[in-house]
Amino acid sequence: MSNAVAIAQDIYGARDSFAQVLTDKTLSFEREAEFAIQTIQGNDFATKIALNNRQSVVNAVTNIAAIGISLNPAKRQAYLVPRDGKICLDISYMGLMDLAMATGSIRWAQAELVYQNDSFALNGFDKPPAHQYNPFSKDRGQIVGVYVVVKTADGDYLTTCMSRDDIDSIMNRSQSVKSGKSSPWKTDYGEMAKKTVVKRAYKYWPKTDRLDKAIHHLNTDSGEGLASMAGPAHGGELAERWIAQVVNAESLESLQSVWLAGKAEMQAAKDVSSFSSFKTAVEARKAALSTQPEPIEGEAQEADHAAGN
């Protein structure tokens, strides 16, 4: 049996498992199988790895369906790559943003690198940053940071920034970097920096199962060595204190009170980062409270009576 036939058989053998976990009905197994075959057969090293670890090929193709991402090279959402002796599904930062938009978590997103000679400034609350540069310049200097700006379902903007030191701190905790082996951090630093800031920012976006699965996959099964990012989940003590009150709000009225008080304090402190994470937490809690069923008339009184009140 030729190598090409063996690989094709393995990929088409994943048809049933692909169908069982499919989350996006617009994905076609036939098309994704063709993309997978083209990718692996177009790379001698990938072909060798695929033949030596055939189950990893099946797992990677199945993950495409479970996450709801495409190998279509025109979309640049995801790729099959040989890493650590297996074929892995790698999701790009564009794939993560596309997932967030497709699932309704956000309406729009853009991630960009900031260079030393660029002009960059945050524009306060609920506005996108001002990033000006000459795209044709041959000397924009060194990368100094990265950011992602998103537009929420309510039409507001949230911006998350990371400095070069922040990015490199994450990179240096990556297993692939520490091992000294080939790492996407070495070959595609800019893309990994964008993926890193998107992964940090997504914590503040309304949650969806598919996006959660994609992030979990990158942290555990993709083989890229992108360490789970430590540090404050909500942008510092100010945000953490107010987000705790958001989580404990039991009604839309109490949530509104928390929102107004927290917003006033953060604006006075000019803490844009904390405000962004605080506002996202408020939006998520508002959505959760809005979907709670209305109590049936008399139900509350019966509950109070049963409790002895």
C-alpha atoms as a PDB file:
ATOM      1  CA  MET A   1       0.000   0.000   0.000  1.00  0.00           C
ATOM      2  CA  SER A   2       1.402   3.404  -0.957  1.00  0.00           C
ATOM      3  CA  ASN A   3       1.881   6.169   1.605  1.00  0.00           C
ATOM      4  CA  ALA A   4      -0.735   8.333  -0.114  1.00  0.00           C
ATOM      5  CA  VAL A   5      -3.351   5.595   0.033  1.00  0.00           C
ATOM      6  CA  ALA A   6      -2.598   4.806   3.692  1.00  0.00           C
ATOM      7  CA  ILE A   7      -2.984   8.450   4.735  1.00  0.00           C
ATOM      8  CA  ALA A   8      -6.184   8.868   2.737  1.00  0.00           C
ATOM      9  CA  GLN A   9      -7.633   5.725   4.321  1.00  0.00           C
ATOM     10  CA  ASP A  10      -6.834   6.993   7.818  1.00  0.00           C
ATOM     11  CA  ILE A  11      -8.451  10.353   7.138  1.00  0.00           C
ATOM     12  CA  TYR A  12     -11.582   8.938   5.518  1.00  0.00           C
ATOM     13  CA  GLY A  13     -11.752   6.442   8.360  1.00  0.00           C
ATOM     14  CA  ALA A  14     -12.544   9.382  10.655  1.00  0.00           C
ATOM     15  CA  ARG A  15     -15.843  10.061   8.856  1.00  0.00           C
ATOM     16  CA  ASP A  16     -18.096   8.565  11.561  1.00  0.00           C
ATOM     17  CA  SER A  17     -16.334  10.215  14.499  1.00  0.00           C
ATOM     18  CA  PHE A  18     -16.332  13.512  12.557  1.00  0.00           C
ATOM     19  CA  ALA A  19     -20.111  13.320  12.128  1.00  0.00           C
ATOM     20  CA  GLN A  20     -20.722  12.385  15.764  1.00  0.00           C
ATOM     21  CA  VAL A  21     -19.001  15.469  17.212  1.00  0.00           C
ATOM     22  CA  LEU A  22     -19.755  17.995  14.444  1.00  0.00           C
ATOM     23  CA  THR A  23     -20.671  21.401  15.928  1.00  0.00           C
ATOM     24  CA  ASP A  24     -20.874  23.486  12.742  1.00  0.00           C
ATOM     25  CA  LYS A  25     -23.216  21.925  10.191  1.00  0.00           C
ATOM     26  CA  THR A  26     -21.740  24.071   7.411  1.00  0.00           C
ATOM     27  CA  LEU A  27     -18.516  22.049   7.574  1.00  0.00           C
ATOM     28  CA  SER A  28     -18.241  19.324   4.948  1.00  0.00           C
ATOM     29  CA  PHE A  29     -16.301  16.194   5.828  1.00  0.00           C
ATOM     30  CA  GLU A  30     -15.373  15.643   2.179  1.00  0.00           C
ATOM     31  CA  ARG A  31     -13.845  19.111   1.841  1.00  0.00           C
ATOM     32  CA  GLU A  32     -12.021  18.981   5.166  1.00  0.00           C
ATOM     33  CA  ALA A  33     -10.700  15.512   4.310  1.00  0.00           C
ATOM     34  CA  GLU A  34      -9.358  16.851   1.002  1.00  0.00           C
ATOM     35  CA  PHE A  35      -7.658  19.759   2.776  1.00  0.00           C
ATOM     36  CA  ALA A  36      -6.116  17.360   5.302  1.00  0.00           C
ATOM     37  CA  ILE A  37      -4.797  15.024   2.607  1.00  0.00           C
ATOM     38  CA  GLN A  38      -3.304  17.915   0.629  1.00  0.00           C
ATOM     39  CA  THR A  39      -1.619  19.324   3.735  1.00  0.00           C
ATOM     40  CA  ILE A  40      -0.030  16.085   4.885  1.00  0.00           C
ATOM     41  CA  GLN A  41       0.976  14.782   1.465  1.00  0.00           C
ATOM     42  CA  GLY A  42       2.489  18.154   0.584  1.00  0.00           C
ATOM     43  CA  ASN A  43       5.060  17.871   3.376  1.00  0.00           C
ATOM     44  CA  ASP A  44       7.478  14.943   3.512  1.00  0.00           C
ATOM     45  CA  PHE A  45       8.058  15.316   7.254  1.00  0.00           C
ATOM     46  CA  ALA A  46       4.325  15.489   7.947  1.00  0.00           C
ATOM     47  CA  THR A  47       3.829  12.375   5.827  1.00  0.00           C
ATOM     48  CA  LYS A  48       6.460  10.510   7.848  1.00  0.00           C
ATOM     49  CA  ILE A  49       4.879  11.545  11.162  1.00  0.00           C
ATOM     50  CA  ALA A  50       1.387  10.664   9.922  1.00  0.00           C
ATOM     51  CA  LEU A  51       2.499   7.165   8.946  1.00  0.00           C
ATOM     52  CA  ASN A  52       4.270   6.625  12.274  1.00  0.00           C
ATOM     53  CA  ASN A  53       1.354   7.925  14.357  1.00  0.00           C
ATOM     54  CA  ARG A  54      -1.793   7.199  12.399  1.00  0.00           C
ATOM     55  CA  GLN A  55      -4.164   7.696  15.328  1.00  0.00           C
ATOM     56  CA  SER A  56      -3.007  11.308  15.660  1.00  0.00           C
ATOM     57  CA  VAL A  57      -4.311  11.965  12.143  1.00  0.00           C
ATOM     58  CA  VAL A  58      -7.743  10.635  13.088  1.00  0.00           C
ATOM     59  CA  ASN A  59      -7.720  12.697  16.292  1.00  0.00           C
ATOM     60  CA  ALA A  60      -6.770  15.891  14.460  1.00  0.00           C
ATOM     61  CA  VAL A  61      -9.513  15.480  11.854  1.00  0.00           C
ATOM     62  CA  THR A  62     -12.061  14.736  14.579  1.00  0.00           C
ATOM     63  CA  ASN A  63     -11.019  17.878  16.467  1.00  0.00           C
ATOM     64  CA  ILE A  64     -11.848  19.935  13.378  1.00  0.00           C
ATOM     65  CA  ALA A  65     -15.476  18.883  13.734  1.00  0.00           C
ATOM     66  CA  ALA A  66     -15.608  19.153  17.527  1.00  0.00           C
ATOM     67  CA  ILE A  67     -14.341  22.733  17.513  1.00  0.00           C
ATOM     68  CA  GLY A  68     -16.039  23.801  14.294  1.00  0.00           C
ATOM     69  CA  ILE A  69     -13.003  25.163  12.468  1.00  0.00           C
ATOM     70  CA  SER A  70     -11.893  24.708   8.852  1.00  0.00           C
ATOM     71  CA  LEU A  71      -8.620  23.686   7.212  1.00  0.00           C
ATOM     72  CA  ASN A  72      -9.550  25.739   4.143  1.00  0.00           C
ATOM     73  CA  PRO A  73      -6.275  27.577   3.386  1.00  0.00           C
ATOM     74  CA  ALA A  74      -8.214  30.584   2.101  1.00  0.00           C
ATOM     75  CA  LYS A  75      -9.709  31.120   5.575  1.00  0.00           C
ATOM     76  CA  ARG A  76      -6.394  30.720   7.453  1.00  0.00           C
ATOM     77  CA  GLN A  77      -8.249  29.455  10.513  1.00  0.00           C
ATOM     78  CA  ALA A  78      -6.426  26.213  11.242  1.00  0.00           C
ATOM     79  CA  TYR A  79      -3.654  23.934  10.036  1.00  0.00           C
ATOM     80  CA  LEU A  80      -2.409  20.382  10.468  1.00  0.00           C
ATOM     81  CA  VAL A  81       1.200  20.448  11.657  1.00  0.00           C
ATOM     82  CA  PRO A  82       3.697  17.756  12.715  1.00  0.00           C
ATOM     83  CA  ARG A  83       4.794  18.300  16.335  1.00  0.00           C
ATOM     84  CA  ASP A  84       6.233  16.027  18.994  1.00  0.00           C
ATOM     85  CA  GLY A  85       5.815  12.910  16.902  1.00  0.00           C
ATOM     86  CA  LYS A  86       2.169  13.458  16.014  1.00  0.00           C
ATOM     87  CA  ILE A  87      -0.089  15.372  13.646  1.00  0.00           C
ATOM     88  CA  CYS A  88      -1.701  18.247  15.546  1.00  0.00           C
ATOM     89  CA  LEU A  89      -4.550  20.609  14.778  1.00  0.00           C
ATOM     90  CA  ASP A  90      -3.205  24.142  15.200  1.00  0.00           C
ATOM     91  CA  ILE A  91      -5.691  27.020  15.419  1.00  0.00           C
ATOM     92  CA  SER A  92      -4.560  30.486  14.356  1.00  0.00           C
ATOM     93  CA  TYR A  93      -5.459  33.737  16.083  1.00  0.00           C
ATOM     94  CA  MET A  94      -7.729  34.425  13.110  1.00  0.00           C
ATOM     95  CA  GLY A  95      -9.454  31.107  13.728  1.00  0.00           C
ATOM     96  CA  LEU A  96     -10.061  32.030  17.358  1.00  0.00           C
ATOM     97  CA  MET A  97     -11.536  35.402  16.397  1.00  0.00           C
ATOM     98  CA  ASP A  98     -13.676  33.820  13.668  1.00  0.00           C
ATOM     99  CA  LEU A  99     -15.029  31.341  16.218  1.00  0.00           C
ATOM    100  CA  ALA A 100     -15.888  34.157  18.618  1.00  0.00           C
ATOM    101  CA  MET A 101     -17.743  36.034  15.884  1.00  0.00           C
ATOM    102  CA  ALA A 102     -19.485  32.964  14.458  1.00  0.00           C
ATOM    103  CA  THR A 103     -20.824  31.973  17.870  1.00  0.00           C
ATOM    104  CA  GLY A 104     -22.059  35.468  18.694  1.00  0.00           C
ATOM    105  CA  SER A 105     -19.570  36.147  21.479  1.00  0.00           C
ATOM    106  CA  ILE A 106     -18.460  39.313  19.669  1.00  0.00           C
ATOM    107  CA  ARG A 107     -19.376  41.136  16.459  1.00  0.00           C
ATOM    108  CA  TRP A 108     -15.934  42.133  15.194  1.00  0.00           C
ATOM    109  CA  ALA A 109     -12.267  41.745  16.147  1.00  0.00           C
ATOM    110  CA  GLN A 110      -8.826  42.853  15.042  1.00  0.00           C
ATOM    111  CA  ALA A 111      -5.404  41.944  16.456  1.00  0.00           C
ATOM    112  CA  GLU A 112      -2.302  43.961  15.592  1.00  0.00           C
ATOM    113  CA  LEU A 113       1.362  44.185  16.516  1.00  0.00           C
ATOM    114  CA  VAL A 114       2.679  47.552  17.692  1.00  0.00           C
ATOM    115  CA  TYR A 115       6.200  48.563  16.665  1.00  0.00           C
ATOM    116  CA  GLN A 116       8.595  51.022  18.259  1.00  0.00           C
ATOM    117  CA  ASN A 117       8.098  53.723  15.622  1.00  0.00           C
ATOM    118  CA  ASP A 118       4.301  53.426  15.523  1.00  0.00           C
ATOM    119  CA  SER A 119       1.958  55.871  17.215  1.00  0.00           C
ATOM    120  CA  PHE A 120      -0.369  54.068  19.611  1.00  0.00           C
ATOM    121  CA  ALA A 121      -2.765  55.405  22.236  1.00  0.00           C
ATOM    122  CA  LEU A 122      -5.768  54.107  24.126  1.00  0.00           C
ATOM    123  CA  ASN A 123      -8.808  56.336  23.734  1.00  0.00           C
ATOM    124  CA  GLY A 124     -10.432  55.812  27.094  1.00  0.00           C
ATOM    125  CA  PHE A 125     -13.547  53.771  27.666  1.00  0.00           C
ATOM    126  CA  ASP A 126     -15.664  52.177  24.962  1.00  0.00           C
ATOM    127  CA  LYS A 127     -13.563  53.439  22.055  1.00  0.00           C
ATOM    128  CA  PRO A 128     -11.044  51.638  19.841  1.00  0.00           C
ATOM    129  CA  PRO A 129      -7.384  52.631  20.250  1.00  0.00           C
ATOM    130  CA  ALA A 130      -5.621  55.013  17.872  1.00  0.00           C
ATOM    131  CA  HIS A 131      -2.891  53.100  16.028  1.00  0.00           C
ATOM    132  CA  GLN A 132      -1.119  55.003  13.280  1.00  0.00           C
ATOM    133  CA  TYR A 133       1.797  53.824  11.181  1.00  0.00           C
ATOM    134  CA  ASN A 134       3.114  53.735   7.641  1.00  0.00           C
ATOM    135  CA  PRO A 135       2.349  50.230   6.318  1.00  0.00           C
ATOM    136  CA  PHE A 136       4.994  50.667   3.630  1.00  0.00           C
ATOM    137  CA  SER A 137       7.782  51.697   6.002  1.00  0.00           C
ATOM    138  CA  LYS A 138      10.855  49.480   6.067  1.00  0.00           C
ATOM    139  CA  ASP A 139      11.825  50.684   9.532  1.00  0.00           C
ATOM    140  CA  ARG A 140       8.992  50.496  12.036  1.00  0.00           C
ATOM    141  CA  GLY A 141      11.448  49.370  14.690  1.00  0.00           C
ATOM    142  CA  GLN A 142      11.165  46.442  17.065  1.00  0.00           C
ATOM    143  CA  ILE A 143       7.900  44.918  18.250  1.00  0.00           C
ATOM    144  CA  VAL A 144       6.949  46.580  21.547  1.00  0.00           C
ATOM    145  CA  GLY A 145       3.515  45.076  22.120  1.00  0.00           C
ATOM    146  CA  VAL A 146       0.320  43.624  20.732  1.00  0.00           C
ATOM    147  CA  TYR A 147      -3.371  44.325  21.170  1.00  0.00           C
ATOM    148  CA  VAL A 148      -6.770  43.021  20.167  1.00  0.00           C
ATOM    149  CA  VAL A 149      -9.847  45.214  19.921  1.00  0.00           C
ATOM    150  CA  VAL A 150     -13.340  43.733  19.681  1.00  0.00           C
ATOM    151  CA  LYS A 151     -16.818  45.102  19.190  1.00  0.00           C
ATOM    152  CA  THR A 152     -19.355  43.555  21.527  1.00  0.00           C
ATOM    153  CA  ALA A 153     -22.923  42.564  20.742  1.00  0.00           C
ATOM    154  CA  ASP A 154     -24.003  45.875  22.307  1.00  0.00           C
ATOM    155  CA  GLY A 155     -21.785  47.850  19.933  1.00  0.00           C
ATOM    156  CA  ASP A 156     -19.137  48.764  22.506  1.00  0.00           C
ATOM    157  CA  TYR A 157     -15.393  48.295  22.118  1.00  0.00           C
ATOM    158  CA  LEU A 158     -13.085  46.321  24.395  1.00  0.00           C
ATOM    159  CA  THR A 159      -9.308  46.518  24.007  1.00  0.00           C
ATOM    160  CA  THR A 160      -6.744  44.189  25.552  1.00  0.00           C
ATOM    161  CA  CYS A 161      -3.041  45.054  25.346  1.00  0.00           C
ATOM    162  CA  MET A 162       0.135  43.161  26.140  1.00  0.00           C
ATOM    163  CA  SER A 163       3.654  44.558  26.255  1.00  0.00           C
ATOM    164  CA  ARG A 164       6.651  42.808  24.718  1.00  0.00           C
ATOM    165  CA  ASP A 165       7.731  41.783  28.222  1.00  0.00           C
ATOM    166  CA  ASP A 166       4.301  40.256  28.872  1.00  0.00           C
ATOM    167  CA  ILE A 167       4.431  38.319  25.605  1.00  0.00           C
ATOM    168  CA  ASP A 168       7.963  37.059  26.194  1.00  0.00           C
ATOM    169  CA  SER A 169       7.059  35.977  29.711  1.00  0.00           C
ATOM    170  CA  ILE A 170       4.389  33.707  28.228  1.00  0.00           C
ATOM    171  CA  MET A 171       6.754  32.531  25.501  1.00  0.00           C
ATOM    172  CA  ASN A 172       9.467  31.609  27.997  1.00  0.00           C
ATOM    173  CA  ARG A 173       7.026  29.374  29.883  1.00  0.00           C
ATOM    174  CA  SER A 174       6.213  27.490  26.696  1.00  0.00           C
ATOM    175  CA  GLN A 175       7.332  23.874  26.807  1.00  0.00           C
ATOM    176  CA  SER A 176       8.426  23.975  23.169  1.00  0.00           C
ATOM    177  CA  VAL A 177      10.728  26.929  23.857  1.00  0.00           C
ATOM    178  CA  LYS A 178      12.144  25.462  27.073  1.00  0.00           C
ATOM    179  CA  SER A 179      12.846  22.162  25.338  1.00  0.00           C
ATOM    180  CA  GLY A 180      14.944  23.887  22.686  1.00  0.00           C
ATOM    181  CA  LYS A 181      13.057  22.083  19.941  1.00  0.00           C
ATOM    182  CA  SER A 182      11.399  23.614  16.908  1.00  0.00           C
ATOM    183  CA  SER A 183       8.733  25.999  18.149  1.00  0.00           C
ATOM    184  CA  PRO A 184       6.170  28.271  16.475  1.00  0.00           C
ATOM    185  CA  TRP A 185       7.506  30.989  18.780  1.00  0.00           C
ATOM    186  CA  LYS A 186      10.764  30.829  16.819  1.00  0.00           C
ATOM    187  CA  THR A 187       9.237  30.657  13.348  1.00  0.00           C
ATOM    188  CA  ASP A 188       6.084  32.778  13.764  1.00  0.00           C
ATOM    189  CA  TYR A 189       6.606  35.113  16.715  1.00  0.00           C
ATOM    190  CA  GLY A 190       4.130  37.733  15.497  1.00  0.00           C
ATOM    191  CA  GLU A 191       1.349  35.209  14.950  1.00  0.00           C
ATOM    192  CA  MET A 192       1.967  33.659  18.356  1.00  0.00           C
ATOM    193  CA  ALA A 193       1.931  37.095  20.001  1.00  0.00           C
ATOM    194  CA  LYS A 194      -1.473  37.813  18.456  1.00  0.00           C
ATOM    195  CA  LYS A 195      -2.770  34.409  19.512  1.00  0.00           C
ATOM    196  CA  THR A 196      -1.527  35.068  23.044  1.00  0.00           C
ATOM    197  CA  VAL A 197      -3.356  38.380  23.401  1.00  0.00           C
ATOM    198  CA  VAL A 198      -6.535  36.882  21.917  1.00  0.00           C
ATOM    199  CA  LYS A 199      -6.336  34.036  24.444  1.00  0.00           C
ATOM    200  CA  ARG A 200      -5.998  36.540  27.269  1.00  0.00           C
ATOM    201  CA  ALA A 201      -8.766  38.795  25.958  1.00  0.00           C
ATOM    202  CA  TYR A 202     -11.240  35.967  25.414  1.00  0.00           C
ATOM    203  CA  LYS A 203     -11.550  35.582  29.202  1.00  0.00           C
ATOM    204  CA  TYR A 204     -13.477  38.854  29.159  1.00  0.00           C
ATOM    205  CA  TRP A 205     -15.797  37.977  26.252  1.00  0.00           C
ATOM    206  CA  PRO A 206     -19.164  36.234  26.622  1.00  0.00           C
ATOM    207  CA  LYS A 207     -18.403  32.510  26.798  1.00  0.00           C
ATOM    208  CA  THR A 208     -19.288  29.963  24.108  1.00  0.00           C
ATOM    209  CA  ASP A 209     -18.647  26.214  24.127  1.00  0.00           C
ATOM    210  CA  ARG A 210     -16.828  26.149  20.788  1.00  0.00           C
ATOM    211  CA  LEU A 211     -14.424  28.927  21.753  1.00  0.00           C
ATOM    212  CA  ASP A 212     -13.783  27.288  25.117  1.00  0.00           C
ATOM    213  CA  LYS A 213     -13.021  23.998  23.338  1.00  0.00           C
ATOM    214  CA  ALA A 214     -10.592  25.739  20.987  1.00  0.00           C
ATOM    215  CA  ILE A 215      -8.693  27.409  23.831  1.00  0.00           C
ATOM    216  CA  HIS A 216      -8.608  24.171  25.821  1.00  0.00           C
ATOM    217  CA  HIS A 217      -7.311  22.323  22.767  1.00  0.00           C
ATOM    218  CA  LEU A 218      -4.494  24.840  22.295  1.00  0.00           C
ATOM    219  CA  ASN A 219      -3.506  24.543  25.942  1.00  0.00           C
ATOM    220  CA  THR A 220      -3.530  20.756  26.040  1.00  0.00           C
ATOM    221  CA  ASP A 221      -3.503  18.862  22.746  1.00  0.00           C
ATOM    222  CA  SER A 222      -2.117  21.087  20.007  1.00  0.00           C
ATOM    223  CA  GLY A 223       1.525  20.457  20.837  1.00  0.00           C
ATOM    224  CA  GLU A 224       2.489  24.081  20.265  1.00  0.00           C
ATOM    225  CA  GLY A 225       3.692  24.535  23.832  1.00  0.00           C
ATOM    226  CA  LEU A 226       1.634  27.641  24.493  1.00  0.00           C
ATOM    227  CA  ALA A 227       1.519  27.684  28.262  1.00  0.00           C
ATOM    228  CA  SER A 228      -1.661  28.609  30.053  1.00  0.00           C
ATOM    229  CA  MET A 229      -1.325  32.257  30.889  1.00  0.00           C
ATOM    230  CA  ALA A 230      -1.020  33.024  34.550  1.00  0.00           C
ATOM    231  CA  GLY A 231      -1.620  36.362  36.161  1.00  0.00           C
ATOM    232  CA  PRO A 232      -4.754  38.230  37.112  1.00  0.00           C
ATOM    233  CA  ALA A 233      -7.790  37.112  35.192  1.00  0.00           C
ATOM    234  CA  HIS A 234      -9.547  40.425  35.483  1.00  0.00           C
ATOM    235  CA  GLY A 235      -6.880  43.093  35.148  1.00  0.00           C
ATOM    236  CA  GLY A 236      -5.925  43.826  38.794  1.00  0.00           C
ATOM    237  CA  GLU A 237      -7.373  44.248  42.272  1.00  0.00           C
ATOM    238  CA  LEU A 238      -9.806  47.008  41.304  1.00  0.00           C
ATOM    239  CA  ALA A 239     -11.441  44.866  38.635  1.00  0.00           C
ATOM    240  CA  GLU A 240     -11.410  41.745  40.816  1.00  0.00           C
ATOM    241  CA  ARG A 241     -13.220  43.544  43.635  1.00  0.00           C
ATOM    242  CA  TRP A 242     -15.985  44.846  41.404  1.00  0.00           C
ATOM    243  CA  ILE A 243     -16.293  41.654  39.357  1.00  0.00           C
ATOM    244  CA  ALA A 244     -16.884  39.750  42.601  1.00  0.00           C
ATOM    245  CA  GLN A 245     -19.873  42.038  43.199  1.00  0.00           C
ATOM    246  CA  VAL A 246     -21.061  41.452  39.635  1.00  0.00           C
ATOM    247  CA  VAL A 247     -21.008  37.691  40.132  1.00  0.00           C
ATOM    248  CA  ASN A 248     -22.990  38.041  43.369  1.00  0.00           C
ATOM    249  CA  ALA A 249     -25.667  40.299  41.857  1.00  0.00           C
ATOM    250  CA  GLU A 250     -28.961  38.397  42.035  1.00  0.00           C
ATOM    251  CA  SER A 251     -31.148  40.758  40.011  1.00  0.00           C
ATOM    252  CA  LEU A 252     -30.874  43.168  37.110  1.00  0.00           C
ATOM    253  CA  GLU A 253     -31.582  46.028  39.511  1.00  0.00           C
ATOM    254  CA  SER A 254     -28.709  45.132  41.825  1.00  0.00           C
ATOM    255  CA  LEU A 255     -26.462  44.556  38.821  1.00  0.00           C
ATOM    256  CA  GLN A 256     -27.277  48.061  37.558  1.00  0.00           C
ATOM    257  CA  SER A 257     -26.257  49.525  40.912  1.00  0.00           C
ATOM    258  CA  VAL A 258     -22.955  47.643  40.826  1.00  0.00           C
ATOM    259  CA  TRP A 259     -22.377  48.786  37.243  1.00  0.00           C
ATOM    260  CA  LEU A 260     -22.880  52.473  37.996  1.00  0.00           C
ATOM    261  CA  ALA A 261     -20.740  52.462  41.132  1.00  0.00           C
ATOM    262  CA  GLY A 262     -17.932  50.406  39.610  1.00  0.00           C
ATOM    263  CA  LYS A 263     -17.895  52.442  36.418  1.00  0.00           C
ATOM    264  CA  ALA A 264     -17.585  55.684  38.384  1.00  0.00           C
ATOM    265  CA  GLU A 265     -14.640  54.414  40.429  1.00  0.00           C
ATOM    266  CA  MET A 266     -12.765  53.045  37.409  1.00  0.00           C
ATOM    267  CA  GLN A 267     -13.269  56.194  35.388  1.00  0.00           C
ATOM    268  CA  ALA A 268     -11.978  58.242  38.314  1.00  0.00           C
ATOM    269  CA  ALA A 269      -8.941  55.949  38.473  1.00  0.00           C
ATOM    270  CA  LYS A 270      -8.560  56.105  34.660  1.00  0.00           C
ATOM    271  CA  ASP A 271      -8.125  52.331  34.659  1.00  0.00           C
ATOM    272  CA  VAL A 272      -9.133  51.348  31.125  1.00  0.00           C
ATOM    273  CA  SER A 273      -7.970  47.744  31.415  1.00  0.00           C
ATOM    274  CA  SER A 274      -9.987  47.104  34.576  1.00  0.00           C
ATOM    275  CA  PHE A 275     -13.029  48.774  33.078  1.00  0.00           C
ATOM    276  CA  SER A 276     -12.913  46.565  29.986  1.00  0.00           C
ATOM    277  CA  SER A 277     -12.897  43.354  32.018  1.00  0.00           C
ATOM    278  CA  PHE A 278     -15.473  44.744  34.494  1.00  0.00           C
ATOM    279  CA  LYS A 279     -17.829  45.715  31.688  1.00  0.00           C
ATOM    280  CA  THR A 280     -17.560  42.317  30.026  1.00  0.00           C
ATOM    281  CA  ALA A 281     -18.358  40.637  33.341  1.00  0.00           C
ATOM    282  CA  VAL A 282     -21.414  42.883  33.713  1.00  0.00           C
ATOM    283  CA  GLU A 283     -22.604  41.992  30.200  1.00  0.00           C
ATOM    284  CA  ALA A 284     -22.163  38.273  30.857  1.00  0.00           C
ATOM    285  CA  ARG A 285     -24.019  38.490  34.187  1.00  0.00           C
ATOM    286  CA  LYS A 286     -26.779  40.551  32.592  1.00  0.00           C
ATOM    287  CA  ALA A 287     -27.243  37.887  29.915  1.00  0.00           C
ATOM    288  CA  ALA A 288     -27.372  35.158  32.568  1.00  0.00           C
ATOM    289  CA  LEU A 289     -29.918  37.012  34.692  1.00  0.00           C
ATOM    290  CA  SER A 290     -32.050  37.818  31.654  1.00  0.00           C
ATOM    291  CA  THR A 291     -32.395  34.127  30.771  1.00  0.00           C
ATOM    292  CA  GLN A 292     -33.502  33.049  34.237  1.00  0.00           C
ATOM    293  CA  PRO A 293     -37.177  31.987  34.283  1.00  0.00           C
ATOM    294  CA  GLU A 294     -39.675  34.287  35.950  1.00  0.00           C
ATOM    295  CA  PRO A 295     -40.915  32.880  39.301  1.00  0.00           C
ATOM    296  CA  ILE A 296     -44.394  31.379  39.170  1.00  0.00           C
ATOM    297  CA  GLU A 297     -46.942  33.413  41.113  1.00  0.00           C
ATOM    298  CA  GLY A 298     -47.133  32.121  44.668  1.00  0.00           C
ATOM    299  CA  GLU A 299     -43.906  30.137  44.313  1.00  0.00           C
ATOM    300  CA  ALA A 300     -41.826  32.630  46.260  1.00  0.00           C
ATOM    301  CA  GLN A 301     -44.369  32.768  49.094  1.00  0.00           C
ATOM    302  CA  GLU A 302     -44.454  28.970  49.299  1.00  0.00           C
ATOM    303  CA  ALA A 303     -40.664  28.841  49.440  1.00  0.00           C
ATOM    304  CA  ASP A 304     -40.621  31.427  52.237  1.00  0.00           C
ATOM    305  CA  HIS A 305     -43.287  29.497  54.146  1.00  0.00           C
ATOM    306  CA  ALA A 306     -41.325  26.249  53.781  1.00  0.00           C
ATOM    307  CA  ALA A 307     -38.228  28.000  55.086  1.00  0.00           C
ATOM    308  CA  GLY A 308     -40.168  29.219  58.108  1.00  0.00           C
ATOM    309  CA  ASN A 309     -40.096  32.895  57.073  1.00  0.00           C
END
